[in-house]
Amino acid sequence: MQLSKAQLHKFRDDGCIWFEAFFTPRETRALRLELTRMYDVELKTGRGINCAVQEDGTTRDDHGKRQNLQVIPLNNRSDLHKALAFNPKVLSVVEQLIGDDFTLVLDQAFWKPPKVGTGTNWHQDNAYFKIADPLRGTAMWIAIHDANVENGCLHVIPGSHRESYPHYRDPLSDHHIRCDPPEDRAVPVELKAGGVVFFCYGVAHCTKTNRSDSDRAGVALHFLHNDFGGVEKSKEDITTRPMLRGPRVTGGEAEFGERFEGRWEEMVERVLAQAENS
């Protein structure tokens, strides 16, 4: 996928760019089916995946009034997600945005149940990663369901990658940090399922409460140029942080024990076939 000069300029100027229908309907359905399967497994095993705490600051309650259901990482739970990072379209866009030598350092999902699904508060990813140039790392946020203002879609502050806001412990999360950026500059990113947002590590962003009657989920992958710490992050846990571009790439074999490069369509069809046969 070749980006235009205008699109590249927008990413560098705003720190973010988004695309409708980035994934096909079949790919989007496979992503939704696989994420549903993973969440079903996590919830059935009784694992505490709710990272929200109640408004009074007490411990989280997976059946309470505040639920922000986080699963992290994803690719150690799913072959589809092993292949997702090697999707040629994904690799092409990321390479054009941050350079031609990079690693996947994080993949995760957040699921917001209807009415009680709370958002993830304002933050800049670079408050976690602390790289010298926030444009050398980017997140890719995928709308698994239609995302709109009513169900708490992603909000971004274009241009905020040129600013750094103080971060502090989020009292409404069991482990996140947050900041207080100028919300009057915020833009809601409404996308149909299969749409994608790319935002660099410096862009302040958040999601809001799901006030709708339907579930809403998003998947986020974080890519980091190897000159800005990608190699070091991979060494911390090579089994979930594959090299994607550059001289160290093995197509996933070094990290996963087998190649997943070039197998995205195969994995999509496998998930869809399993759903039809279940």
C-alpha atoms as a PDB file:
ATOM      1  CA  MET A   1       0.000   0.000   0.000  1.00  0.00           C
ATOM      2  CA  GLN A   2       1.674   3.188  -1.171  1.00  0.00           C
ATOM      3  CA  LEU A   3       0.963   6.290   0.879  1.00  0.00           C
ATOM      4  CA  SER A   4       0.732   9.653  -0.840  1.00  0.00           C
ATOM      5  CA  LYS A   5       2.972  12.592  -0.003  1.00  0.00           C
ATOM      6  CA  ALA A   6      -0.050  14.259   1.586  1.00  0.00           C
ATOM      7  CA  GLN A   7      -0.673  11.255   3.836  1.00  0.00           C
ATOM      8  CA  LEU A   8       2.971  11.095   4.902  1.00  0.00           C
ATOM      9  CA  HIS A   9       2.959  14.821   5.600  1.00  0.00           C
ATOM     10  CA  LYS A  10      -0.216  14.450   7.675  1.00  0.00           C
ATOM     11  CA  PHE A  11       1.391  11.732   9.802  1.00  0.00           C
ATOM     12  CA  ARG A  12       4.473  13.845  10.443  1.00  0.00           C
ATOM     13  CA  ASP A  13       2.447  17.000  11.077  1.00  0.00           C
ATOM     14  CA  ASP A  14      -0.453  15.541  13.093  1.00  0.00           C
ATOM     15  CA  GLY A  15       1.287  12.401  14.355  1.00  0.00           C
ATOM     16  CA  CYS A  16      -1.675  10.305  13.253  1.00  0.00           C
ATOM     17  CA  ILE A  17      -3.544   9.073  10.212  1.00  0.00           C
ATOM     18  CA  TRP A  18      -6.498   6.738   9.736  1.00  0.00           C
ATOM     19  CA  PHE A  19      -8.006   4.565   7.031  1.00  0.00           C
ATOM     20  CA  GLU A  20     -11.513   3.279   6.438  1.00  0.00           C
ATOM     21  CA  ALA A  21     -11.838  -0.372   5.357  1.00  0.00           C
ATOM     22  CA  PHE A  22      -8.134  -1.114   5.861  1.00  0.00           C
ATOM     23  CA  PHE A  23      -9.052  -4.773   6.331  1.00  0.00           C
ATOM     24  CA  THR A  24     -11.536  -6.578   4.089  1.00  0.00           C
ATOM     25  CA  PRO A  25     -14.873  -7.800   5.505  1.00  0.00           C
ATOM     26  CA  ARG A  26     -13.518 -11.386   5.625  1.00  0.00           C
ATOM     27  CA  GLU A  27     -10.348 -10.301   7.420  1.00  0.00           C
ATOM     28  CA  THR A  28     -12.371  -8.190   9.843  1.00  0.00           C
ATOM     29  CA  ARG A  29     -14.730 -11.066  10.587  1.00  0.00           C
ATOM     30  CA  ALA A  30     -11.769 -13.376  11.246  1.00  0.00           C
ATOM     31  CA  LEU A  31     -10.228 -10.826  13.612  1.00  0.00           C
ATOM     32  CA  ARG A  32     -13.530 -10.468  15.465  1.00  0.00           C
ATOM     33  CA  LEU A  33     -14.077 -14.239  15.710  1.00  0.00           C
ATOM     34  CA  GLU A  34     -10.562 -14.843  16.950  1.00  0.00           C
ATOM     35  CA  LEU A  35     -10.712 -12.063  19.513  1.00  0.00           C
ATOM     36  CA  THR A  36     -14.046 -13.382  20.778  1.00  0.00           C
ATOM     37  CA  ARG A  37     -12.500 -16.836  21.124  1.00  0.00           C
ATOM     38  CA  MET A  38      -9.529 -15.499  23.078  1.00  0.00           C
ATOM     39  CA  TYR A  39     -11.711 -13.498  25.435  1.00  0.00           C
ATOM     40  CA  ASP A  40     -13.982 -16.491  26.006  1.00  0.00           C
ATOM     41  CA  VAL A  41     -10.931 -18.536  27.013  1.00  0.00           C
ATOM     42  CA  GLU A  42      -9.604 -15.843  29.339  1.00  0.00           C
ATOM     43  CA  LEU A  43     -12.954 -15.309  31.042  1.00  0.00           C
ATOM     44  CA  LYS A  44     -13.653 -19.034  31.423  1.00  0.00           C
ATOM     45  CA  THR A  45     -10.300 -19.567  33.115  1.00  0.00           C
ATOM     46  CA  GLY A  46     -11.211 -16.894  35.639  1.00  0.00           C
ATOM     47  CA  ARG A  47      -8.208 -14.704  34.900  1.00  0.00           C
ATOM     48  CA  GLY A  48      -8.476 -11.099  36.062  1.00  0.00           C
ATOM     49  CA  ILE A  49      -8.418  -9.201  32.775  1.00  0.00           C
ATOM     50  CA  ASN A  50     -10.385  -6.166  33.943  1.00  0.00           C
ATOM     51  CA  CYS A  51      -7.831  -3.376  34.331  1.00  0.00           C
ATOM     52  CA  ALA A  52     -10.428  -0.861  35.555  1.00  0.00           C
ATOM     53  CA  VAL A  53     -11.087  -0.271  39.228  1.00  0.00           C
ATOM     54  CA  GLN A  54     -14.322   1.050  40.633  1.00  0.00           C
ATOM     55  CA  GLU A  55     -14.980   4.776  40.964  1.00  0.00           C
ATOM     56  CA  ASP A  56     -14.398   4.675  44.717  1.00  0.00           C
ATOM     57  CA  GLY A  57     -10.873   3.386  44.080  1.00  0.00           C
ATOM     58  CA  THR A  58     -11.554  -0.120  45.368  1.00  0.00           C
ATOM     59  CA  THR A  59     -10.257  -3.230  43.667  1.00  0.00           C
ATOM     60  CA  ARG A  60     -11.549  -4.232  40.275  1.00  0.00           C
ATOM     61  CA  ASP A  61     -14.721  -6.232  39.856  1.00  0.00           C
ATOM     62  CA  ASP A  62     -15.051  -8.208  36.627  1.00  0.00           C
ATOM     63  CA  HIS A  63     -18.832  -7.998  36.930  1.00  0.00           C
ATOM     64  CA  GLY A  64     -19.049  -4.438  38.190  1.00  0.00           C
ATOM     65  CA  LYS A  65     -19.939  -1.073  36.740  1.00  0.00           C
ATOM     66  CA  ARG A  66     -16.493  -0.374  35.277  1.00  0.00           C
ATOM     67  CA  GLN A  67     -15.012  -2.923  32.894  1.00  0.00           C
ATOM     68  CA  ASN A  68     -12.007  -2.409  30.637  1.00  0.00           C
ATOM     69  CA  LEU A  69     -11.076  -5.936  29.623  1.00  0.00           C
ATOM     70  CA  GLN A  70      -7.453  -6.103  28.515  1.00  0.00           C
ATOM     71  CA  VAL A  71      -5.706  -9.122  26.981  1.00  0.00           C
ATOM     72  CA  ILE A  72      -1.962  -8.773  26.421  1.00  0.00           C
ATOM     73  CA  PRO A  73      -0.100 -10.063  24.477  1.00  0.00           C
ATOM     74  CA  LEU A  74      -2.153 -11.599  21.676  1.00  0.00           C
ATOM     75  CA  ASN A  75       0.312 -13.425  19.450  1.00  0.00           C
ATOM     76  CA  ASN A  76       1.168 -16.006  22.107  1.00  0.00           C
ATOM     77  CA  ARG A  77      -2.518 -16.949  22.095  1.00  0.00           C
ATOM     78  CA  SER A  78      -3.268 -16.945  18.371  1.00  0.00           C
ATOM     79  CA  ASP A  79      -1.655 -17.946  15.076  1.00  0.00           C
ATOM     80  CA  LEU A  80      -3.824 -15.344  13.350  1.00  0.00           C
ATOM     81  CA  HIS A  81      -2.139 -12.661  15.423  1.00  0.00           C
ATOM     82  CA  LYS A  82       1.296 -14.111  14.729  1.00  0.00           C
ATOM     83  CA  ALA A  83       0.545 -13.658  11.034  1.00  0.00           C
ATOM     84  CA  LEU A  84      -1.129 -10.245  11.472  1.00  0.00           C
ATOM     85  CA  ALA A  85       2.138  -8.450  12.188  1.00  0.00           C
ATOM     86  CA  PHE A  86       3.542  -9.874   8.917  1.00  0.00           C
ATOM     87  CA  ASN A  87       0.527  -8.760   6.843  1.00  0.00           C
ATOM     88  CA  PRO A  88       2.133  -7.104   3.778  1.00  0.00           C
ATOM     89  CA  LYS A  89      -0.225  -4.130   3.903  1.00  0.00           C
ATOM     90  CA  VAL A  90       0.572  -3.521   7.562  1.00  0.00           C
ATOM     91  CA  LEU A  91       4.316  -3.829   6.979  1.00  0.00           C
ATOM     92  CA  SER A  92       4.194  -1.486   4.006  1.00  0.00           C
ATOM     93  CA  VAL A  93       2.416   1.291   5.884  1.00  0.00           C
ATOM     94  CA  VAL A  94       4.530   0.981   9.030  1.00  0.00           C
ATOM     95  CA  GLU A  95       7.740   1.013   6.973  1.00  0.00           C
ATOM     96  CA  GLN A  96       6.687   4.217   5.240  1.00  0.00           C
ATOM     97  CA  LEU A  97       5.783   5.830   8.554  1.00  0.00           C
ATOM     98  CA  ILE A  98       8.735   4.934  10.800  1.00  0.00           C
ATOM     99  CA  GLY A  99      11.457   3.455   8.567  1.00  0.00           C
ATOM    100  CA  ASP A 100      12.588   0.115   7.180  1.00  0.00           C
ATOM    101  CA  ASP A 101      14.032  -1.628  10.278  1.00  0.00           C
ATOM    102  CA  PHE A 102      11.505  -2.289  13.028  1.00  0.00           C
ATOM    103  CA  THR A 103      10.068  -4.712  15.580  1.00  0.00           C
ATOM    104  CA  LEU A 104       6.632  -5.473  16.976  1.00  0.00           C
ATOM    105  CA  VAL A 105       7.059  -4.712  20.667  1.00  0.00           C
ATOM    106  CA  LEU A 106       3.480  -5.078  21.888  1.00  0.00           C
ATOM    107  CA  ASP A 107       0.080  -6.340  20.795  1.00  0.00           C
ATOM    108  CA  GLN A 108      -3.000  -6.126  22.960  1.00  0.00           C
ATOM    109  CA  ALA A 109      -6.774  -5.802  22.931  1.00  0.00           C
ATOM    110  CA  PHE A 110      -9.333  -3.901  24.971  1.00  0.00           C
ATOM    111  CA  TRP A 111     -12.950  -5.040  25.112  1.00  0.00           C
ATOM    112  CA  LYS A 112     -15.642  -2.668  26.379  1.00  0.00           C
ATOM    113  CA  PRO A 113     -18.924  -4.396  27.338  1.00  0.00           C
ATOM    114  CA  PRO A 114     -22.148  -2.433  26.718  1.00  0.00           C
ATOM    115  CA  LYS A 115     -23.074   0.248  29.274  1.00  0.00           C
ATOM    116  CA  VAL A 116     -20.277  -0.677  31.719  1.00  0.00           C
ATOM    117  CA  GLY A 117     -17.292  -0.632  29.361  1.00  0.00           C
ATOM    118  CA  THR A 118     -15.033   2.164  30.511  1.00  0.00           C
ATOM    119  CA  GLY A 119     -12.305   3.814  28.473  1.00  0.00           C
ATOM    120  CA  THR A 120      -8.549   4.069  28.800  1.00  0.00           C
ATOM    121  CA  ASN A 121      -7.667   7.551  30.018  1.00  0.00           C
ATOM    122  CA  TRP A 122      -5.522  10.102  28.191  1.00  0.00           C
ATOM    123  CA  HIS A 123      -1.882   9.182  27.774  1.00  0.00           C
ATOM    124  CA  GLN A 124       1.057   9.310  25.397  1.00  0.00           C
ATOM    125  CA  ASP A 125       2.676   5.978  24.577  1.00  0.00           C
ATOM    126  CA  ASN A 126       6.065   7.632  24.808  1.00  0.00           C
ATOM    127  CA  ALA A 127       5.517   8.055  28.535  1.00  0.00           C
ATOM    128  CA  TYR A 128       6.058   4.271  28.577  1.00  0.00           C
ATOM    129  CA  PHE A 129       8.609   3.856  25.771  1.00  0.00           C
ATOM    130  CA  LYS A 130      10.605   7.090  26.265  1.00  0.00           C
ATOM    131  CA  ILE A 131      12.223   7.195  22.813  1.00  0.00           C
ATOM    132  CA  ALA A 132      14.075  10.298  21.628  1.00  0.00           C
ATOM    133  CA  ASP A 133      11.930  10.779  18.521  1.00  0.00           C
ATOM    134  CA  PRO A 134       8.273   9.771  19.034  1.00  0.00           C
ATOM    135  CA  LEU A 135       7.782   9.567  15.249  1.00  0.00           C
ATOM    136  CA  ARG A 136      10.009   6.478  15.136  1.00  0.00           C
ATOM    137  CA  GLY A 137       7.387   4.373  16.877  1.00  0.00           C
ATOM    138  CA  THR A 138       3.750   3.934  15.905  1.00  0.00           C
ATOM    139  CA  ALA A 139       0.688   2.165  17.185  1.00  0.00           C
ATOM    140  CA  MET A 140      -1.861   0.618  14.839  1.00  0.00           C
ATOM    141  CA  TRP A 141      -5.354   0.580  16.376  1.00  0.00           C
ATOM    142  CA  ILE A 142      -7.884  -1.697  14.660  1.00  0.00           C
ATOM    143  CA  ALA A 143     -11.639  -1.262  15.061  1.00  0.00           C
ATOM    144  CA  ILE A 144     -12.948  -4.789  15.676  1.00  0.00           C
ATOM    145  CA  HIS A 145     -16.520  -3.504  15.919  1.00  0.00           C
ATOM    146  CA  ASP A 146     -17.868  -0.246  14.528  1.00  0.00           C
ATOM    147  CA  ALA A 147     -16.364   2.533  16.656  1.00  0.00           C
ATOM    148  CA  ASN A 148     -18.246   5.769  17.263  1.00  0.00           C
ATOM    149  CA  VAL A 149     -18.710   8.448  19.875  1.00  0.00           C
ATOM    150  CA  GLU A 150     -21.594   6.612  21.560  1.00  0.00           C
ATOM    151  CA  ASN A 151     -19.561   3.464  22.173  1.00  0.00           C
ATOM    152  CA  GLY A 152     -16.409   5.270  23.221  1.00  0.00           C
ATOM    153  CA  CYS A 153     -14.220   5.338  20.117  1.00  0.00           C
ATOM    154  CA  LEU A 154     -10.582   6.365  20.091  1.00  0.00           C
ATOM    155  CA  HIS A 155      -9.908  10.103  20.530  1.00  0.00           C
ATOM    156  CA  VAL A 156      -6.626  11.736  19.507  1.00  0.00           C
ATOM    157  CA  ILE A 157      -5.041  15.180  19.809  1.00  0.00           C
ATOM    158  CA  PRO A 158      -3.363  15.908  16.473  1.00  0.00           C
ATOM    159  CA  GLY A 159       0.037  17.568  16.840  1.00  0.00           C
ATOM    160  CA  SER A 160       0.448  16.575  20.480  1.00  0.00           C
ATOM    161  CA  HIS A 161       3.552  14.523  19.603  1.00  0.00           C
ATOM    162  CA  ARG A 162       5.442  17.820  19.665  1.00  0.00           C
ATOM    163  CA  GLU A 163       4.494  18.250  23.332  1.00  0.00           C
ATOM    164  CA  SER A 164       5.167  16.237  26.464  1.00  0.00           C
ATOM    165  CA  TYR A 165       2.581  16.130  29.247  1.00  0.00           C
ATOM    166  CA  PRO A 166       3.274  15.080  32.845  1.00  0.00           C
ATOM    167  CA  HIS A 167       1.977  11.582  33.533  1.00  0.00           C
ATOM    168  CA  TYR A 168       0.872  10.094  36.816  1.00  0.00           C
ATOM    169  CA  ARG A 169      -0.670   6.897  38.114  1.00  0.00           C
ATOM    170  CA  ASP A 170      -4.248   6.505  36.878  1.00  0.00           C
ATOM    171  CA  PRO A 171      -6.402   5.960  39.992  1.00  0.00           C
ATOM    172  CA  LEU A 172      -9.115   4.289  37.888  1.00  0.00           C
ATOM    173  CA  SER A 173      -6.791   1.605  36.484  1.00  0.00           C
ATOM    174  CA  ASP A 174      -4.865  -1.199  38.118  1.00  0.00           C
ATOM    175  CA  HIS A 175      -1.653  -0.358  36.214  1.00  0.00           C
ATOM    176  CA  HIS A 176      -2.026   2.461  33.676  1.00  0.00           C
ATOM    177  CA  ILE A 177      -0.690   5.985  33.789  1.00  0.00           C
ATOM    178  CA  ARG A 178      -2.497   9.055  32.485  1.00  0.00           C
ATOM    179  CA  CYS A 179      -2.063  12.731  31.654  1.00  0.00           C
ATOM    180  CA  ASP A 180      -4.217  15.845  31.323  1.00  0.00           C
ATOM    181  CA  PRO A 181      -3.799  17.212  27.793  1.00  0.00           C
ATOM    182  CA  PRO A 182      -5.821  20.060  26.207  1.00  0.00           C
ATOM    183  CA  GLU A 183      -9.023  18.144  25.485  1.00  0.00           C
ATOM    184  CA  ASP A 184     -10.502  21.028  23.511  1.00  0.00           C
ATOM    185  CA  ARG A 185      -8.177  19.945  20.672  1.00  0.00           C
ATOM    186  CA  ALA A 186      -9.325  16.320  20.749  1.00  0.00           C
ATOM    187  CA  VAL A 187     -10.752  14.626  17.670  1.00  0.00           C
ATOM    188  CA  PRO A 188     -12.960  11.495  17.875  1.00  0.00           C
ATOM    189  CA  VAL A 189     -11.996   8.876  15.283  1.00  0.00           C
ATOM    190  CA  GLU A 190     -15.189   7.156  14.171  1.00  0.00           C
ATOM    191  CA  LEU A 191     -14.535   4.081  12.025  1.00  0.00           C
ATOM    192  CA  LYS A 192     -16.454   1.094  10.750  1.00  0.00           C
ATOM    193  CA  ALA A 193     -15.113  -2.312  11.774  1.00  0.00           C
ATOM    194  CA  GLY A 194     -11.931  -3.004   9.837  1.00  0.00           C
ATOM    195  CA  GLY A 195     -10.807   0.609   9.912  1.00  0.00           C
ATOM    196  CA  VAL A 196      -7.388   1.445  11.320  1.00  0.00           C
ATOM    197  CA  VAL A 197      -5.679   4.366  13.046  1.00  0.00           C
ATOM    198  CA  PHE A 198      -1.906   4.815  13.054  1.00  0.00           C
ATOM    199  CA  PHE A 199      -0.599   7.226  15.693  1.00  0.00           C
ATOM    200  CA  CYS A 200       2.975   7.835  16.698  1.00  0.00           C
ATOM    201  CA  TYR A 201       4.203   7.345  20.239  1.00  0.00           C
ATOM    202  CA  GLY A 202       3.853  11.016  21.124  1.00  0.00           C
ATOM    203  CA  VAL A 203       0.193  11.521  20.240  1.00  0.00           C
ATOM    204  CA  ALA A 204      -2.069  11.901  23.264  1.00  0.00           C
ATOM    205  CA  HIS A 205      -5.034   9.562  22.934  1.00  0.00           C
ATOM    206  CA  CYS A 206      -7.780   7.911  24.940  1.00  0.00           C
ATOM    207  CA  THR A 207     -10.971   5.928  24.583  1.00  0.00           C
ATOM    208  CA  LYS A 208     -14.284   6.755  26.214  1.00  0.00           C
ATOM    209  CA  THR A 209     -17.066   4.886  27.998  1.00  0.00           C
ATOM    210  CA  ASN A 210     -19.197   2.518  25.933  1.00  0.00           C
ATOM    211  CA  ARG A 211     -22.708   3.873  26.445  1.00  0.00           C
ATOM    212  CA  SER A 212     -24.238   1.770  23.684  1.00  0.00           C
ATOM    213  CA  ASP A 213     -26.120  -1.516  23.884  1.00  0.00           C
ATOM    214  CA  SER A 214     -23.392  -3.435  22.035  1.00  0.00           C
ATOM    215  CA  ASP A 215     -19.856  -4.611  22.718  1.00  0.00           C
ATOM    216  CA  ARG A 216     -16.935  -2.640  21.319  1.00  0.00           C
ATOM    217  CA  ALA A 217     -13.368  -3.881  21.019  1.00  0.00           C
ATOM    218  CA  GLY A 218     -10.104  -2.639  19.577  1.00  0.00           C
ATOM    219  CA  VAL A 219      -6.791  -4.341  18.871  1.00  0.00           C
ATOM    220  CA  ALA A 220      -3.561  -2.347  19.094  1.00  0.00           C
ATOM    221  CA  LEU A 221      -0.124  -3.267  17.749  1.00  0.00           C
ATOM    222  CA  HIS A 222       2.917  -1.174  18.669  1.00  0.00           C
ATOM    223  CA  PHE A 223       5.871  -1.005  16.293  1.00  0.00           C
ATOM    224  CA  LEU A 224       9.286   0.426  17.140  1.00  0.00           C
ATOM    225  CA  HIS A 225      12.215   1.295  14.884  1.00  0.00           C
ATOM    226  CA  ASN A 226      15.227  -0.799  15.817  1.00  0.00           C
ATOM    227  CA  ASP A 227      17.486   2.264  16.085  1.00  0.00           C
ATOM    228  CA  PHE A 228      15.216   3.471  18.884  1.00  0.00           C
ATOM    229  CA  GLY A 229      15.068   0.359  21.052  1.00  0.00           C
ATOM    230  CA  GLY A 230      13.280  -2.283  19.017  1.00  0.00           C
ATOM    231  CA  VAL A 231      16.166  -4.747  19.252  1.00  0.00           C
ATOM    232  CA  GLU A 232      16.425  -4.316  23.014  1.00  0.00           C
ATOM    233  CA  LYS A 233      12.690  -4.798  23.472  1.00  0.00           C
ATOM    234  CA  SER A 234      12.796  -7.972  21.384  1.00  0.00           C
ATOM    235  CA  LYS A 235      15.591  -9.373  23.516  1.00  0.00           C
ATOM    236  CA  GLU A 236      13.451  -8.887  26.628  1.00  0.00           C
ATOM    237  CA  ASP A 237      10.915 -11.409  25.258  1.00  0.00           C
ATOM    238  CA  ILE A 238      11.717 -12.670  21.777  1.00  0.00           C
ATOM    239  CA  THR A 239       8.768 -15.094  21.827  1.00  0.00           C
ATOM    240  CA  THR A 240       6.202 -12.279  21.494  1.00  0.00           C
ATOM    241  CA  ARG A 241       8.242  -9.512  19.835  1.00  0.00           C
ATOM    242  CA  PRO A 242       9.125 -10.519  16.284  1.00  0.00           C
ATOM    243  CA  MET A 243      11.527  -8.651  14.036  1.00  0.00           C
ATOM    244  CA  LEU A 244       9.461  -7.440  11.072  1.00  0.00           C
ATOM    245  CA  ARG A 245      11.838  -5.479   8.873  1.00  0.00           C
ATOM    246  CA  GLY A 246      15.615  -5.305   8.650  1.00  0.00           C
ATOM    247  CA  PRO A 247      18.597  -7.700   8.533  1.00  0.00           C
ATOM    248  CA  ARG A 248      17.485  -9.737  11.577  1.00  0.00           C
ATOM    249  CA  VAL A 249      14.120 -10.797  10.152  1.00  0.00           C
ATOM    250  CA  THR A 250      13.347 -14.541   9.947  1.00  0.00           C
ATOM    251  CA  GLY A 251       9.649 -14.263   9.140  1.00  0.00           C
ATOM    252  CA  GLY A 252       8.748 -15.314  12.667  1.00  0.00           C
ATOM    253  CA  GLU A 253      10.798 -18.502  12.748  1.00  0.00           C
ATOM    254  CA  ALA A 254      13.266 -17.267  15.376  1.00  0.00           C
ATOM    255  CA  GLU A 255      10.468 -16.006  17.606  1.00  0.00           C
ATOM    256  CA  PHE A 256       7.624 -18.475  17.052  1.00  0.00           C
ATOM    257  CA  GLY A 257       9.453 -21.590  15.894  1.00  0.00           C
ATOM    258  CA  GLU A 258       7.922 -21.405  12.407  1.00  0.00           C
ATOM    259  CA  ARG A 259       7.487 -18.840   9.677  1.00  0.00           C
ATOM    260  CA  PHE A 260       4.325 -16.740   9.658  1.00  0.00           C
ATOM    261  CA  GLU A 261       5.389 -14.267   7.014  1.00  0.00           C
ATOM    262  CA  GLY A 262       3.200 -14.707   3.945  1.00  0.00           C
ATOM    263  CA  ARG A 263       0.565 -16.733   5.818  1.00  0.00           C
ATOM    264  CA  TRP A 264      -1.976 -14.038   6.702  1.00  0.00           C
ATOM    265  CA  GLU A 265      -4.591 -15.166   4.175  1.00  0.00           C
ATOM    266  CA  GLU A 266      -4.105 -18.796   5.219  1.00  0.00           C
ATOM    267  CA  MET A 267      -4.726 -17.926   8.861  1.00  0.00           C
ATOM    268  CA  VAL A 268      -7.798 -15.849   7.994  1.00  0.00           C
ATOM    269  CA  GLU A 269      -9.307 -18.758   6.076  1.00  0.00           C
ATOM    270  CA  ARG A 270      -8.432 -21.153   8.901  1.00  0.00           C
ATOM    271  CA  VAL A 271     -10.297 -19.049  11.482  1.00  0.00           C
ATOM    272  CA  LEU A 272     -13.328 -18.667   9.214  1.00  0.00           C
ATOM    273  CA  ALA A 273     -13.390 -22.417   8.458  1.00  0.00           C
ATOM    274  CA  GLN A 274     -13.190 -23.288  12.155  1.00  0.00           C
ATOM    275  CA  ALA A 275     -16.137 -20.993  12.847  1.00  0.00           C
ATOM    276  CA  GLU A 276     -18.203 -22.615  10.103  1.00  0.00           C
ATOM    277  CA  ASN A 277     -17.429 -26.095  11.389  1.00  0.00           C
ATOM    278  CA  SER A 278     -18.047 -25.397  15.063  1.00  0.00           C
END
